[in-house]
PDB file of N, CA and C in Angstrom:
ATOM      1  N   MET A   1      52.097  73.814   4.085  1.00  0.00           N
ATOM      2  CA  MET A   1      52.250  72.113   4.443  1.00  0.00           C
ATOM      3  C   MET A   1      51.617  71.362   3.258  1.00  0.00           C
ATOM      4  N   ASN A   2      50.773  71.858   2.543  1.00  0.00           N
ATOM      5  CA  ASN A   2      49.789  71.204   1.749  1.00  0.00           C
ATOM      6  C   ASN A   2      51.089  71.469   0.562  1.00  0.00           C
ATOM      7  N   THR A   3      51.215  72.978   0.298  1.00  0.00           N
ATOM      8  CA  THR A   3      51.622  72.864  -0.902  1.00  0.00           C
ATOM      9  C   THR A   3      53.540  71.775  -0.968  1.00  0.00           C
ATOM     10  N   ARG A   4      54.204  71.755   0.232  1.00  0.00           N
ATOM     11  CA  ARG A   4      54.760  71.027   0.262  1.00  0.00           C
ATOM     12  C   ARG A   4      54.853  69.559   0.086  1.00  0.00           C
ATOM     13  N   LYS A   5      53.372  69.221   0.423  1.00  0.00           N
ATOM     14  CA  LYS A   5      53.225  67.131  -0.117  1.00  0.00           C
ATOM     15  C   LYS A   5      53.443  67.439  -1.454  1.00  0.00           C
ATOM     16  N   TYR A   6      52.305  68.686  -1.876  1.00  0.00           N
ATOM     17  CA  TYR A   6      52.637  68.462  -3.260  1.00  0.00           C
ATOM     18  C   TYR A   6      53.304  68.798  -4.273  1.00  0.00           C
ATOM     19  N   VAL A   7      54.633  69.449  -3.950  1.00  0.00           N
ATOM     20  CA  VAL A   7      55.860  69.483  -4.671  1.00  0.00           C
ATOM     21  C   VAL A   7      56.444  68.055  -4.437  1.00  0.00           C
ATOM     22  N   THR A   8      56.528  67.147  -3.079  1.00  0.00           N
ATOM     23  CA  THR A   8      56.757  66.225  -2.518  1.00  0.00           C
ATOM     24  C   THR A   8      56.304  64.873  -3.602  1.00  0.00           C
ATOM     25  N   LEU A   9      54.829  64.864  -2.994  1.00  0.00           N
ATOM     26  CA  LEU A   9      54.701  64.167  -4.551  1.00  0.00           C
ATOM     27  C   LEU A   9      55.039  63.909  -6.040  1.00  0.00           C
ATOM     28  N   ALA A  10      54.962  65.379  -6.271  1.00  0.00           N
ATOM     29  CA  ALA A  10      55.646  66.146  -7.928  1.00  0.00           C
ATOM     30  C   ALA A  10      57.093  65.503  -8.279  1.00  0.00           C
ATOM     31  N   VAL A  11      57.696  65.335  -7.201  1.00  0.00           N
ATOM     32  CA  VAL A  11      58.982  65.105  -7.153  1.00  0.00           C
ATOM     33  C   VAL A  11      58.453  63.316  -7.549  1.00  0.00           C
ATOM     34  N   ILE A  12      58.685  62.484  -6.031  1.00  0.00           N
ATOM     35  CA  ILE A  12      58.163  61.615  -5.942  1.00  0.00           C
ATOM     36  C   ILE A  12      58.126  61.140  -7.828  1.00  0.00           C
ATOM     37  N   LEU A  13      57.376  61.413  -8.619  1.00  0.00           N
ATOM     38  CA  LEU A  13      56.479  61.335  -9.622  1.00  0.00           C
ATOM     39  C   LEU A  13      57.173  61.455 -10.537  1.00  0.00           C
ATOM     40  N   ASN A  14      57.827  61.984 -10.775  1.00  0.00           N
ATOM     41  CA  ASN A  14      58.783  62.423 -11.572  1.00  0.00           C
ATOM     42  C   ASN A  14      59.919  61.532 -11.790  1.00  0.00           C
ATOM     43  N   ILE A  15      60.070  61.446 -10.951  1.00  0.00           N
ATOM     44  CA  ILE A  15      61.472  60.321 -10.166  1.00  0.00           C
ATOM     45  C   ILE A  15      60.827  59.174 -11.353  1.00  0.00           C
ATOM     46  N   SER A  16      60.176  58.648 -10.958  1.00  0.00           N
ATOM     47  CA  SER A  16      59.370  57.143 -10.898  1.00  0.00           C
ATOM     48  C   SER A  16      59.692  57.576 -12.304  1.00  0.00           C
ATOM     49  N   LEU A  17      59.003  58.382 -13.386  1.00  0.00           N
ATOM     50  CA  LEU A  17      58.401  58.444 -14.546  1.00  0.00           C
ATOM     51  C   LEU A  17      60.006  58.681 -15.213  1.00  0.00           C
ATOM     52  N   LEU A  18      60.681  59.666 -14.885  1.00  0.00           N
ATOM     53  CA  LEU A  18      61.704  58.907 -15.374  1.00  0.00           C
ATOM     54  C   LEU A  18      62.716  57.496 -14.527  1.00  0.00           C
ATOM     55  N   SER A  19      62.567  56.765 -14.133  1.00  0.00           N
ATOM     56  CA  SER A  19      63.045  55.527 -13.954  1.00  0.00           C
ATOM     57  C   SER A  19      62.845  54.946 -14.883  1.00  0.00           C
ATOM     58  N   ALA A  20      61.318  54.610 -15.214  1.00  0.00           N
ATOM     59  CA  ALA A  20      60.565  54.122 -16.450  1.00  0.00           C
ATOM     60  C   ALA A  20      60.554  54.325 -17.477  1.00  0.00           C
ATOM     61  N   GLN A  21      61.146  55.379 -17.325  1.00  0.00           N
ATOM     62  CA  GLN A  21      61.606  55.978 -18.908  1.00  0.00           C
ATOM     63  C   GLN A  21      62.919  55.568 -19.233  1.00  0.00           C
ATOM     64  N   PHE A  22      64.003  55.093 -18.700  1.00  0.00           N
ATOM     65  CA  PHE A  22      65.226  54.685 -18.293  1.00  0.00           C
ATOM     66  C   PHE A  22      65.240  53.245 -18.818  1.00  0.00           C
ATOM     67  N   TRP A  23      64.437  53.025 -17.716  1.00  0.00           N
ATOM     68  CA  TRP A  23      64.391  51.511 -17.992  1.00  0.00           C
ATOM     69  C   TRP A  23      63.485  51.008 -19.031  1.00  0.00           C
ATOM     70  N   LEU A  24      62.271  51.723 -19.988  1.00  0.00           N
ATOM     71  CA  LEU A  24      62.395  51.390 -21.162  1.00  0.00           C
ATOM     72  C   LEU A  24      63.178  51.847 -22.131  1.00  0.00           C
ATOM     73  N   SER A  25      64.119  52.651 -22.480  1.00  0.00           N
ATOM     74  CA  SER A  25      64.640  52.845 -23.121  1.00  0.00           C
ATOM     75  C   SER A  25      66.118  51.841 -23.491  1.00  0.00           C
ATOM     76  N   SER A  26      66.684  50.993 -22.231  1.00  0.00           N
ATOM     77  CA  SER A  26      67.539  49.678 -21.989  1.00  0.00           C
ATOM     78  C   SER A  26      66.815  48.840 -22.179  1.00  0.00           C
ATOM     79  N   ARG A  27      65.185  48.318 -22.486  1.00  0.00           N
ATOM     80  CA  ARG A  27      65.007  47.305 -22.695  1.00  0.00           C
ATOM     81  C   ARG A  27      65.441  47.129 -24.659  1.00  0.00           C
ATOM     82  N   ARG A  28      64.612  49.142 -24.842  1.00  0.00           N
ATOM     83  CA  ARG A  28      64.948  48.526 -26.525  1.00  0.00           C
ATOM     84  C   ARG A  28      65.580  48.123 -26.814  1.00  0.00           C
ATOM     85  N   ALA A  29      67.432  49.238 -26.352  1.00  0.00           N
ATOM     86  CA  ALA A  29      68.474  48.760 -27.249  1.00  0.00           C
ATOM     87  C   ALA A  29      68.685  47.574 -26.904  1.00  0.00           C
ATOM     88  N   THR A  30      68.769  46.717 -25.844  1.00  0.00           N
ATOM     89  CA  THR A  30      68.929  45.082 -26.251  1.00  0.00           C
ATOM     90  C   THR A  30      68.273  44.122 -26.870  1.00  0.00           C
ATOM     91  N   ASP A  31      66.579  45.229 -26.721  1.00  0.00           N
ATOM     92  CA  ASP A  31      65.945  43.986 -27.513  1.00  0.00           C
ATOM     93  C   ASP A  31      66.494  44.597 -28.804  1.00  0.00           C
ATOM     94  N   GLY A  32      66.834  45.860 -29.275  1.00  0.00           N
ATOM     95  CA  GLY A  32      67.678  46.518 -30.989  1.00  0.00           C
ATOM     96  C   GLY A  32      68.961  45.098 -31.038  1.00  0.00           C
ATOM     97  N   ASP A  33      69.914  45.443 -29.765  1.00  0.00           N
ATOM     98  CA  ASP A  33      71.000  44.301 -30.491  1.00  0.00           C
ATOM     99  C   ASP A  33      70.407  43.225 -30.402  1.00  0.00           C
ATOM    100  N   THR A  34      69.735  42.261 -30.008  1.00  0.00           N
ATOM    101  CA  THR A  34      69.425  41.051 -30.052  1.00  0.00           C
ATOM    102  C   THR A  34      68.771  41.225 -31.362  1.00  0.00           C
ATOM    103  N   LEU A  35      67.851  42.226 -31.887  1.00  0.00           N
ATOM    104  CA  LEU A  35      67.825  41.384 -33.567  1.00  0.00           C
ATOM    105  C   LEU A  35      68.953  42.125 -34.509  1.00  0.00           C
ATOM    106  N   SER A  36      69.424  42.564 -34.301  1.00  0.00           N
ATOM    107  CA  SER A  36      70.944  42.821 -35.000  1.00  0.00           C
ATOM    108  C   SER A  36      71.637  41.402 -35.451  1.00  0.00           C
ATOM    109  N   VAL A  37      71.948  41.138 -33.930  1.00  0.00           N
ATOM    110  CA  VAL A  37      72.528  39.786 -33.595  1.00  0.00           C
ATOM    111  C   VAL A  37      71.491  38.216 -34.543  1.00  0.00           C
ATOM    112  N   MET A  38      70.878  38.098 -34.244  1.00  0.00           N
ATOM    113  CA  MET A  38      69.265  37.481 -35.242  1.00  0.00           C
ATOM    114  C   MET A  38      69.605  37.806 -36.532  1.00  0.00           C
ATOM    115  N   GLU A  39      69.517  39.355 -37.294  1.00  0.00           N
ATOM    116  CA  GLU A  39      69.485  39.272 -38.456  1.00  0.00           C
ATOM    117  C   GLU A  39      70.905  39.134 -38.883  1.00  0.00           C
ATOM    118  N   GLN A  40      72.052  38.858 -38.568  1.00  0.00           N
ATOM    119  CA  GLN A  40      73.173  38.344 -38.840  1.00  0.00           C
ATOM    120  C   GLN A  40      73.150  37.340 -39.028  1.00  0.00           C
ATOM    121  N   GLU A  41      72.674  36.909 -37.830  1.00  0.00           N
ATOM    122  CA  GLU A  41      72.948  34.607 -37.769  1.00  0.00           C
ATOM    123  C   GLU A  41      71.889  34.497 -39.516  1.00  0.00           C
ATOM    124  N   LEU A  42      70.973  35.001 -39.624  1.00  0.00           N
ATOM    125  CA  LEU A  42      70.000  34.867 -40.549  1.00  0.00           C
ATOM    126  C   LEU A  42      70.679  35.422 -41.470  1.00  0.00           C
ATOM    127  N   SER A  43      71.107  36.114 -41.811  1.00  0.00           N
ATOM    128  CA  SER A  43      72.229  36.488 -43.111  1.00  0.00           C
ATOM    129  C   SER A  43      73.584  35.407 -43.435  1.00  0.00           C
ATOM    130  N   ALA A  44      73.742  35.139 -42.292  1.00  0.00           N
ATOM    131  CA  ALA A  44      75.114  34.278 -42.438  1.00  0.00           C
ATOM    132  C   ALA A  44      73.951  32.564 -42.752  1.00  0.00           C
ATOM    133  N   VAL A  45      73.060  32.336 -42.474  1.00  0.00           N
ATOM    134  CA  VAL A  45      72.371  30.985 -43.033  1.00  0.00           C
ATOM    135  C   VAL A  45      71.401  31.247 -43.818  1.00  0.00           C
ATOM    136  N   GLY A  46      71.488  32.307 -44.856  1.00  0.00           N
ATOM    137  CA  GLY A  46      71.085  32.292 -45.537  1.00  0.00           C
ATOM    138  C   GLY A  46      72.362  32.326 -47.043  1.00  0.00           C
ATOM    139  N   MET A  47      74.016  32.767 -46.745  1.00  0.00           N
ATOM    140  CA  MET A  47      74.527  32.529 -47.166  1.00  0.00           C
ATOM    141  C   MET A  47      74.774  30.678 -47.368  1.00  0.00           C
ATOM    142  N   GLU A  48      74.949  30.304 -46.702  1.00  0.00           N
ATOM    143  CA  GLU A  48      75.048  28.488 -46.046  1.00  0.00           C
ATOM    144  C   GLU A  48      74.158  28.170 -46.929  1.00  0.00           C
ATOM    145  N   ASN A  49      72.553  28.569 -47.341  1.00  0.00           N
ATOM    146  CA  ASN A  49      72.137  27.627 -47.777  1.00  0.00           C
ATOM    147  C   ASN A  49      72.741  27.767 -49.555  1.00  0.00           C
ATOM    148  N   TYR A  50      72.589  29.048 -49.417  1.00  0.00           N
ATOM    149  CA  TYR A  50      73.017  29.315 -51.029  1.00  0.00           C
ATOM    150  C   TYR A  50      74.527  28.258 -51.201  1.00  0.00           C
ATOM    151  N   ARG A  51      75.595  28.377 -50.432  1.00  0.00           N
ATOM    152  CA  ARG A  51      76.811  27.333 -50.608  1.00  0.00           C
ATOM    153  C   ARG A  51      76.073  26.160 -50.855  1.00  0.00           C
ATOM    154  N   LEU A  52      75.346  25.895 -50.057  1.00  0.00           N
ATOM    155  CA  LEU A  52      75.346  24.137 -49.815  1.00  0.00           C
ATOM    156  C   LEU A  52      74.574  23.941 -51.150  1.00  0.00           C
ATOM    157  N   LYS A  53      73.698  24.458 -51.561  1.00  0.00           N
ATOM    158  CA  LYS A  53      72.645  24.303 -52.512  1.00  0.00           C
ATOM    159  C   LYS A  53      73.550  24.513 -53.798  1.00  0.00           C
ATOM    160  N   SER A  54      74.531  25.595 -53.850  1.00  0.00           N
ATOM    161  CA  SER A  54      76.019  25.237 -55.436  1.00  0.00           C
ATOM    162  C   SER A  54      75.992  23.627 -55.293  1.00  0.00           C
ATOM    163  N   ASP A  55      76.895  23.347 -54.249  1.00  0.00           N
ATOM    164  CA  ASP A  55      77.400  22.455 -53.892  1.00  0.00           C
ATOM    165  C   ASP A  55      76.699  20.315 -54.255  1.00  0.00           C
ATOM    166  N   ILE A  56      75.312  20.607 -54.161  1.00  0.00           N
ATOM    167  CA  ILE A  56      74.183  19.619 -54.075  1.00  0.00           C
ATOM    168  C   ILE A  56      74.209  19.725 -55.912  1.00  0.00           C
ATOM    169  N   TYR A  57      74.148  20.712 -56.576  1.00  0.00           N
ATOM    170  CA  TYR A  57      73.875  21.180 -58.631  1.00  0.00           C
ATOM    171  C   TYR A  57      75.045  20.663 -58.714  1.00  0.00           C
ATOM    172  N   THR A  58      76.647  20.532 -57.675  1.00  0.00           N
ATOM    173  CA  THR A  58      77.820  20.860 -58.425  1.00  0.00           C
ATOM    174  C   THR A  58      78.077  19.332 -58.478  1.00  0.00           C
ATOM    175  N   LEU A  59      77.703  18.296 -57.404  1.00  0.00           N
ATOM    176  CA  LEU A  59      77.656  16.885 -57.144  1.00  0.00           C
ATOM    177  C   LEU A  59      76.269  16.809 -57.560  1.00  0.00           C
ATOM    178  N   SER A  60      75.551  16.569 -58.446  1.00  0.00           N
ATOM    179  CA  SER A  60      74.842  15.770 -58.517  1.00  0.00           C
ATOM    180  C   SER A  60      74.509  16.509 -60.710  1.00  0.00           C
ATOM    181  N   SER A  61      75.268  17.055 -60.739  1.00  0.00           N
ATOM    182  CA  SER A  61      76.103  17.280 -61.938  1.00  0.00           C
ATOM    183  C   SER A  61      76.138  15.233 -62.818  1.00  0.00           C
ATOM    184  N   THR A  62      75.885  15.527 -64.068  1.00  0.00           N
ATOM    185  CA  THR A  62      75.995  14.116 -64.385  1.00  0.00           C
ATOM    186  C   THR A  62      77.601  13.623 -64.736  1.00  0.00           C
ATOM    187  N   GLN A  63      78.645  14.591 -64.590  1.00  0.00           N
ATOM    188  CA  GLN A  63      79.627  14.374 -65.105  1.00  0.00           C
ATOM    189  C   GLN A  63      80.158  13.687 -63.994  1.00  0.00           C
ATOM    190  N   SER A  64      79.903  14.922 -62.486  1.00  0.00           N
ATOM    191  CA  SER A  64      80.609  14.811 -61.716  1.00  0.00           C
ATOM    192  C   SER A  64      79.519  13.099 -60.916  1.00  0.00           C
ATOM    193  N   VAL A  65      78.882  12.611 -61.386  1.00  0.00           N
ATOM    194  CA  VAL A  65      78.084  10.766 -60.884  1.00  0.00           C
ATOM    195  C   VAL A  65      78.955  10.404 -61.549  1.00  0.00           C
ATOM    196  N   LEU A  66      79.527  10.826 -63.444  1.00  0.00           N
ATOM    197  CA  LEU A  66      80.250   9.609 -63.703  1.00  0.00           C
ATOM    198  C   LEU A  66      81.553   9.569 -62.773  1.00  0.00           C
ATOM    199  N   GLN A  67      81.883  10.536 -62.816  1.00  0.00           N
ATOM    200  CA  GLN A  67      83.087  10.350 -62.169  1.00  0.00           C
ATOM    201  C   GLN A  67      82.852   9.246 -60.926  1.00  0.00           C
ATOM    202  N   SER A  68      82.382   9.810 -60.028  1.00  0.00           N
ATOM    203  CA  SER A  68      82.105   8.835 -58.479  1.00  0.00           C
ATOM    204  C   SER A  68      81.657   7.404 -58.997  1.00  0.00           C
ATOM    205  N   ALA A  69      81.129   6.927 -60.482  1.00  0.00           N
ATOM    206  CA  ALA A  69      80.641   6.030 -60.281  1.00  0.00           C
ATOM    207  C   ALA A  69      82.102   5.281 -60.904  1.00  0.00           C
ATOM    208  N   ALA A  70      83.116   5.517 -61.979  1.00  0.00           N
ATOM    209  CA  ALA A  70      84.776   5.407 -61.977  1.00  0.00           C
ATOM    210  C   ALA A  70      84.924   4.579 -61.331  1.00  0.00           C
ATOM    211  N   ALA A  71      85.867   6.042 -60.095  1.00  0.00           N
ATOM    212  CA  ALA A  71      85.970   5.648 -58.596  1.00  0.00           C
ATOM    213  C   ALA A  71      85.520   4.428 -58.213  1.00  0.00           C
ATOM    214  N   LEU A  72      84.571   4.430 -58.168  1.00  0.00           N
ATOM    215  CA  LEU A  72      83.569   3.387 -57.472  1.00  0.00           C
ATOM    216  C   LEU A  72      83.683   2.079 -58.147  1.00  0.00           C
ATOM    217  N   ASN A  73      84.377   1.821 -59.438  1.00  0.00           N
ATOM    218  CA  ASN A  73      84.328   0.642 -60.218  1.00  0.00           C
ATOM    219  C   ASN A  73      83.139   0.111 -60.512  1.00  0.00           C
ATOM    220  N   PHE A  74      82.249   1.475 -60.431  1.00  0.00           N
ATOM    221  CA  PHE A  74      80.739   0.510 -61.335  1.00  0.00           C
ATOM    222  C   PHE A  74      81.037   0.438 -62.743  1.00  0.00           C
ATOM    223  N   VAL A  75      80.169  -0.503 -63.169  1.00  0.00           N
ATOM    224  CA  VAL A  75      79.852  -0.918 -64.483  1.00  0.00           C
ATOM    225  C   VAL A  75      78.608  -0.005 -65.558  1.00  0.00           C
ATOM    226  N   PRO A  76      78.404   0.316 -66.734  1.00  0.00           N
ATOM    227  CA  PRO A  76      76.994   0.051 -67.080  1.00  0.00           C
ATOM    228  C   PRO A  76      76.268  -0.548 -67.131  1.00  0.00           C
ATOM    229  N   ALA A  77      74.923  -0.540 -66.898  1.00  0.00           N
ATOM    230  CA  ALA A  77      74.089  -1.595 -66.991  1.00  0.00           C
ATOM    231  C   ALA A  77      73.597  -2.425 -67.950  1.00  0.00           C
ATOM    232  N   LYS A  78      73.608  -3.785 -68.277  1.00  0.00           N
ATOM    233  CA  LYS A  78      73.723  -4.476 -69.847  1.00  0.00           C
ATOM    234  C   LYS A  78      72.292  -4.506 -69.508  1.00  0.00           C
ATOM    235  N   THR A  79      71.421  -4.369 -70.835  1.00  0.00           N
ATOM    236  CA  THR A  79      69.869  -4.580 -70.262  1.00  0.00           C
ATOM    237  C   THR A  79      69.451  -5.591 -71.251  1.00  0.00           C
ATOM    238  N   SER A  80      68.976  -6.235 -70.573  1.00  0.00           N
ATOM    239  CA  SER A  80      68.009  -8.178 -70.759  1.00  0.00           C
ATOM    240  C   SER A  80      67.224  -8.575 -71.739  1.00  0.00           C
ATOM    241  N   TYR A  81      66.445  -8.416 -72.552  1.00  0.00           N
ATOM    242  CA  TYR A  81      65.509  -8.871 -73.178  1.00  0.00           C
ATOM    243  C   TYR A  81      65.369 -10.139 -73.283  1.00  0.00           C
ATOM    244  N   LEU A  82      63.718 -10.394 -72.467  1.00  0.00           N
ATOM    245  CA  LEU A  82      63.172 -11.674 -72.047  1.00  0.00           C
ATOM    246  C   LEU A  82      62.380 -11.602 -73.454  1.00  0.00           C
ATOM    247  N   THR A  83      62.643 -12.872 -73.976  1.00  0.00           N
ATOM    248  CA  THR A  83      61.523 -13.042 -75.114  1.00  0.00           C
ATOM    249  C   THR A  83      60.441 -14.405 -74.483  1.00  0.00           C
ATOM    250  N   PRO A  84      59.265 -14.639 -74.737  1.00  0.00           N
ATOM    251  CA  PRO A  84      58.423 -15.838 -74.815  1.00  0.00           C
ATOM    252  C   PRO A  84      59.055 -16.677 -75.045  1.00  0.00           C
ATOM    253  N   LEU A  85      58.738 -18.113 -75.139  1.00  0.00           N
ATOM    254  CA  LEU A  85      59.093 -19.595 -75.404  1.00  0.00           C
ATOM    255  C   LEU A  85      57.928 -19.566 -76.426  1.00  0.00           C
ATOM    256  N   PRO A  86      58.419 -20.217 -77.803  1.00  0.00           N
ATOM    257  CA  PRO A  86      57.561 -20.372 -78.639  1.00  0.00           C
ATOM    258  C   PRO A  86      55.877 -20.936 -78.081  1.00  0.00           C
ATOM    259  N   VAL A  87      56.365 -21.612 -77.680  1.00  0.00           N
ATOM    260  CA  VAL A  87      54.870 -21.970 -77.424  1.00  0.00           C
ATOM    261  C   VAL A  87      54.122 -21.492 -76.607  1.00  0.00           C
ATOM    262  N   ALA A  88      54.440 -20.362 -76.375  1.00  0.00           N
ATOM    263  CA  ALA A  88      53.365 -19.750 -74.157  1.00  0.00           C
ATOM    264  C   ALA A  88      53.053 -18.651 -75.916  1.00  0.00           C
ATOM    265  N   GLN A  89      54.128 -18.311 -76.834  1.00  0.00           N
ATOM    266  CA  GLN A  89      53.557 -16.807 -77.745  1.00  0.00           C
ATOM    267  C   GLN A  89      51.721 -17.566 -78.481  1.00  0.00           C
ATOM    268  N   ALA A  90      52.161 -19.360 -78.608  1.00  0.00           N
ATOM    269  CA  ALA A  90      51.334 -19.943 -79.615  1.00  0.00           C
ATOM    270  C   ALA A  90      49.716 -20.168 -78.644  1.00  0.00           C
ATOM    271  N   HIS A  91      50.479 -20.148 -77.991  1.00  0.00           N
ATOM    272  CA  HIS A  91      49.394 -20.732 -76.545  1.00  0.00           C
ATOM    273  C   HIS A  91      48.302 -19.101 -75.679  1.00  0.00           C
ATOM    274  N   SER A  92      48.849 -17.961 -75.848  1.00  0.00           N
ATOM    275  CA  SER A  92      48.745 -17.046 -75.847  1.00  0.00           C
ATOM    276  C   SER A  92      47.478 -16.176 -77.144  1.00  0.00           C
ATOM    277  N   THR A  93      48.519 -16.248 -78.830  1.00  0.00           N
ATOM    278  CA  THR A  93      47.300 -15.819 -79.666  1.00  0.00           C
ATOM    279  C   THR A  93      46.201 -16.932 -79.683  1.00  0.00           C
ATOM    280  N   ALA A  94      46.401 -17.944 -79.410  1.00  0.00           N
ATOM    281  CA  ALA A  94      44.753 -18.993 -79.333  1.00  0.00           C
ATOM    282  C   ALA A  94      43.815 -18.166 -78.515  1.00  0.00           C
ATOM    283  N   ASN A  95      44.293 -17.722 -77.956  1.00  0.00           N
ATOM    284  CA  ASN A  95      42.467 -17.622 -76.239  1.00  0.00           C
ATOM    285  C   ASN A  95      42.223 -16.295 -76.868  1.00  0.00           C
ATOM    286  N   THR A  96      43.217 -15.592 -77.227  1.00  0.00           N
ATOM    287  CA  THR A  96      42.759 -14.133 -77.722  1.00  0.00           C
ATOM    288  C   THR A  96      42.056 -14.294 -79.420  1.00  0.00           C
ATOM    289  N   GLY A  97      42.088 -15.206 -80.122  1.00  0.00           N
ATOM    290  CA  GLY A  97      41.407 -15.470 -80.939  1.00  0.00           C
ATOM    291  C   GLY A  97      42.564 -14.709 -82.994  1.00  0.00           C
ATOM    292  N   GLN A  98      43.705 -13.778 -81.927  1.00  0.00           N
ATOM    293  CA  GLN A  98      44.050 -13.079 -83.209  1.00  0.00           C
ATOM    294  C   GLN A  98      45.386 -13.980 -83.972  1.00  0.00           C
ATOM    295  N   PRO A  99      45.601 -13.876 -84.895  1.00  0.00           N
ATOM    296  CA  PRO A  99      46.087 -14.888 -85.860  1.00  0.00           C
ATOM    297  C   PRO A  99      48.268 -14.286 -85.385  1.00  0.00           C
TER     298      PRO A  99
END
């Protein structure tokens, strides 16, 4: 009778451990699938970033900016220089003591 209890207990323990092993194996497989999907997404995002950087470099080139400006009818800026009046010049040199 005592041996029968031990055999039953051993069978129940083995079935429990086997069930736990199957459960852990399926969890590992699911985690592996999730990791694989995440790695694929990371690779896709990396390729998209590379393409976007290439587009930025192309669009920010001098030639591209000049073409865009011409298409928008922009004109080159004209530089104007301001010269002080002769009276203001005489006044500023008188205060500094320099000729």
